[in-house]
């Protein structure tokens, strides 16, 4: 699968306020069933692509502490 992100609008994680290690995601793709995620410090680098369901499950897990303390 080849997806072009040249015109994508990327949104930083709400946790990025600390200036630490952050991710960005392109929400417009969620309507197509995929959620691209990239490292905000390397915007020209690769993006990981998750299913919308998988990304939603990940976000819920983070909110509920499934991955431990930061």
N, C-alpha and C. Protein backbone atom coordinates (compact mmCIF):
# COMPACT_ATOMS: atom_id res chain seq x y z
N UNK A 1 0.84 -1.17 0.00
CA UNK A 1 0.00 0.00 0.00
C UNK A 1 0.89 1.24 0.00
N UNK A 2 0.56 2.20 -0.84
CA UNK A 2 1.32 3.44 -0.90
C UNK A 2 0.38 4.60 -0.63
N UNK A 3 0.69 5.38 0.38
CA UNK A 3 -0.12 6.53 0.75
C UNK A 3 0.77 7.76 0.72
N UNK A 4 0.28 8.84 0.13
CA UNK A 4 1.03 10.09 0.09
C UNK A 4 0.51 11.02 1.16
N UNK A 5 1.43 11.54 1.98
CA UNK A 5 1.06 12.44 3.07
C UNK A 5 1.43 13.90 2.77
N UNK A 6 1.81 14.20 1.53
CA UNK A 6 2.28 15.54 1.20
C UNK A 6 1.27 16.63 1.57
N UNK A 7 0.00 16.36 1.42
CA UNK A 7 -1.04 17.36 1.70
C UNK A 7 -1.70 17.14 3.07
N UNK A 8 -1.20 16.20 3.82
CA UNK A 8 -1.82 15.87 5.11
C UNK A 8 -1.63 16.99 6.13
N UNK A 9 -2.63 17.17 6.96
CA UNK A 9 -2.52 18.07 8.11
C UNK A 9 -2.22 17.20 9.31
N UNK A 10 -1.09 17.46 9.96
CA UNK A 10 -0.66 16.66 11.10
C UNK A 10 -1.00 17.40 12.39
N UNK A 11 -1.42 16.63 13.38
CA UNK A 11 -1.80 17.17 14.69
C UNK A 11 -0.87 16.57 15.73
N UNK A 12 -0.29 17.43 16.58
CA UNK A 12 0.60 16.94 17.64
C UNK A 12 -0.20 16.37 18.80
N UNK A 13 0.37 15.41 19.44
CA UNK A 13 -0.22 14.84 20.64
C UNK A 13 -0.44 15.93 21.68
N UNK A 14 -1.53 15.83 22.41
CA UNK A 14 -1.80 16.81 23.48
C UNK A 14 -0.77 16.71 24.59
N UNK A 15 0.00 15.64 24.63
CA UNK A 15 1.04 15.48 25.63
C UNK A 15 2.35 16.16 25.23
N UNK A 16 2.38 16.79 24.06
CA UNK A 16 3.61 17.37 23.57
C UNK A 16 3.95 18.70 24.22
N UNK A 17 3.13 19.21 25.09
CA UNK A 17 3.36 20.49 25.73
C UNK A 17 4.65 20.50 26.55
N UNK A 18 5.13 19.36 26.93
CA UNK A 18 6.34 19.29 27.73
C UNK A 18 7.60 19.46 26.89
N UNK A 19 7.45 19.47 25.57
CA UNK A 19 8.60 19.61 24.69
C UNK A 19 9.40 18.32 24.56
N UNK A 20 8.85 17.24 25.05
CA UNK A 20 9.55 15.96 25.02
C UNK A 20 9.36 15.22 23.72
N UNK A 21 9.34 13.95 23.82
CA UNK A 21 9.22 13.09 22.66
C UNK A 21 7.75 12.97 22.31
N UNK A 22 7.42 13.40 21.11
CA UNK A 22 6.02 13.54 20.73
C UNK A 22 5.71 12.80 19.44
N UNK A 23 4.44 12.53 19.28
CA UNK A 23 3.97 11.98 18.02
C UNK A 23 2.98 12.96 17.40
N UNK A 24 2.79 12.81 16.11
CA UNK A 24 1.78 13.54 15.38
C UNK A 24 0.95 12.51 14.62
N UNK A 25 -0.30 12.86 14.36
CA UNK A 25 -1.15 11.98 13.57
C UNK A 25 -1.93 12.81 12.57
N UNK A 26 -2.38 12.17 11.51
CA UNK A 26 -3.13 12.86 10.46
C UNK A 26 -4.58 12.38 10.53
N UNK A 27 -5.44 13.12 11.24
CA UNK A 27 -6.82 12.67 11.49
C UNK A 27 -7.68 12.52 10.24
N UNK A 28 -7.39 13.22 9.17
CA UNK A 28 -8.23 13.14 7.97
C UNK A 28 -8.28 11.73 7.38
N UNK A 29 -7.24 10.95 7.63
CA UNK A 29 -7.20 9.60 7.08
C UNK A 29 -8.07 8.62 7.85
N UNK A 30 -8.48 8.98 9.05
CA UNK A 30 -9.29 8.08 9.87
C UNK A 30 -10.61 7.75 9.18
N UNK A 31 -11.15 8.69 8.44
CA UNK A 31 -12.40 8.43 7.71
C UNK A 31 -12.21 7.34 6.66
N UNK A 32 -10.98 7.13 6.24
CA UNK A 32 -10.66 6.09 5.27
C UNK A 32 -10.26 4.78 5.96
N UNK A 33 -10.29 4.79 7.30
CA UNK A 33 -10.00 3.57 8.04
C UNK A 33 -8.56 3.40 8.47
N UNK A 34 -7.70 4.41 8.23
CA UNK A 34 -6.30 4.31 8.63
C UNK A 34 -5.90 5.56 9.41
N UNK A 35 -4.90 5.41 10.26
CA UNK A 35 -4.39 6.54 11.03
C UNK A 35 -2.87 6.53 10.94
N UNK A 36 -2.29 7.45 10.16
CA UNK A 36 -0.84 7.55 10.11
C UNK A 36 -0.30 8.30 11.34
N UNK A 37 0.80 7.81 11.87
CA UNK A 37 1.43 8.39 13.05
C UNK A 37 2.92 8.55 12.74
N UNK A 38 3.49 9.70 13.13
CA UNK A 38 4.91 9.93 12.88
C UNK A 38 5.56 10.60 14.08
N UNK A 39 6.86 10.59 14.10
CA UNK A 39 7.67 11.24 15.13
C UNK A 39 7.72 12.73 14.80
N UNK A 40 7.26 13.58 15.73
CA UNK A 40 7.22 15.02 15.46
C UNK A 40 8.61 15.62 15.26
N UNK A 41 9.64 14.97 15.79
CA UNK A 41 11.00 15.49 15.63
C UNK A 41 11.58 15.13 14.27
N UNK A 42 10.92 14.23 13.54
CA UNK A 42 11.41 13.78 12.25
C UNK A 42 10.24 13.76 11.25
N UNK A 43 9.69 14.92 10.92
CA UNK A 43 8.51 14.95 10.07
C UNK A 43 8.72 14.42 8.65
N UNK A 44 9.95 14.36 8.19
CA UNK A 44 10.22 13.81 6.87
C UNK A 44 10.52 12.32 6.91
N UNK A 45 10.52 11.76 8.11
CA UNK A 45 10.78 10.33 8.27
C UNK A 45 9.53 9.51 7.98
N UNK A 46 9.62 8.22 8.21
CA UNK A 46 8.50 7.34 7.93
C UNK A 46 7.33 7.54 8.90
N UNK A 47 6.18 7.12 8.46
CA UNK A 47 4.99 7.14 9.32
C UNK A 47 4.53 5.69 9.50
N UNK A 48 4.07 5.39 10.69
CA UNK A 48 3.44 4.10 10.94
C UNK A 48 1.96 4.26 10.61
N UNK A 49 1.37 3.24 10.04
CA UNK A 49 -0.05 3.32 9.67
C UNK A 49 -0.81 2.26 10.44
N UNK A 50 -1.79 2.72 11.21
CA UNK A 50 -2.62 1.84 12.02
C UNK A 50 -4.04 1.82 11.46
N UNK A 51 -4.77 0.77 11.75
CA UNK A 51 -6.20 0.81 11.45
C UNK A 51 -6.83 1.81 12.41
N UNK A 52 -7.93 2.40 12.02
CA UNK A 52 -8.62 3.35 12.90
C UNK A 52 -9.01 2.66 14.22
N UNK A 53 -9.45 1.42 14.14
CA UNK A 53 -9.83 0.68 15.35
C UNK A 53 -8.63 0.42 16.25
N UNK A 54 -7.51 0.06 15.64
CA UNK A 54 -6.29 -0.19 16.41
C UNK A 54 -5.78 1.06 17.10
N UNK A 55 -5.83 2.19 16.40
CA UNK A 55 -5.38 3.44 17.00
C UNK A 55 -6.30 3.86 18.14
N UNK A 56 -7.61 3.70 17.94
CA UNK A 56 -8.56 4.02 19.01
C UNK A 56 -8.31 3.16 20.24
N UNK A 57 -8.04 1.89 20.04
CA UNK A 57 -7.75 0.99 21.17
C UNK A 57 -6.47 1.42 21.87
N UNK A 58 -5.46 1.82 21.11
CA UNK A 58 -4.21 2.29 21.69
C UNK A 58 -4.44 3.53 22.55
N UNK A 59 -5.16 4.52 22.02
CA UNK A 59 -5.43 5.75 22.76
C UNK A 59 -6.20 5.44 24.05
N UNK A 60 -7.18 4.56 23.97
CA UNK A 60 -7.94 4.19 25.17
C UNK A 60 -7.04 3.50 26.19
N UNK A 61 -6.14 2.65 25.72
CA UNK A 61 -5.20 2.00 26.61
C UNK A 61 -4.29 2.99 27.32
N UNK A 62 -3.83 4.00 26.59
CA UNK A 62 -2.99 5.03 27.19
C UNK A 62 -3.78 5.78 28.26
N UNK A 63 -5.01 6.16 27.93
CA UNK A 63 -5.84 6.89 28.88
C UNK A 63 -6.11 6.10 30.16
N UNK A 64 -6.15 4.78 30.04
CA UNK A 64 -6.45 3.93 31.20
C UNK A 64 -5.22 3.33 31.85
N UNK A 65 -4.03 3.80 31.45
CA UNK A 65 -2.79 3.36 32.10
C UNK A 65 -2.32 1.98 31.75
N UNK A 66 -2.74 1.46 30.62
CA UNK A 66 -2.37 0.08 30.24
C UNK A 66 -0.89 -0.07 29.95
N UNK A 67 -0.18 1.02 29.73
CA UNK A 67 1.22 0.93 29.37
C UNK A 67 2.15 1.45 30.46
N UNK A 68 1.62 1.64 31.65
CA UNK A 68 2.44 2.10 32.77
C UNK A 68 2.59 3.61 32.79
N UNK A 69 3.31 4.07 33.77
CA UNK A 69 3.54 5.51 33.92
C UNK A 69 4.60 5.99 32.96
N UNK A 70 4.49 7.22 32.55
CA UNK A 70 5.46 7.80 31.61
C UNK A 70 6.74 8.15 32.33
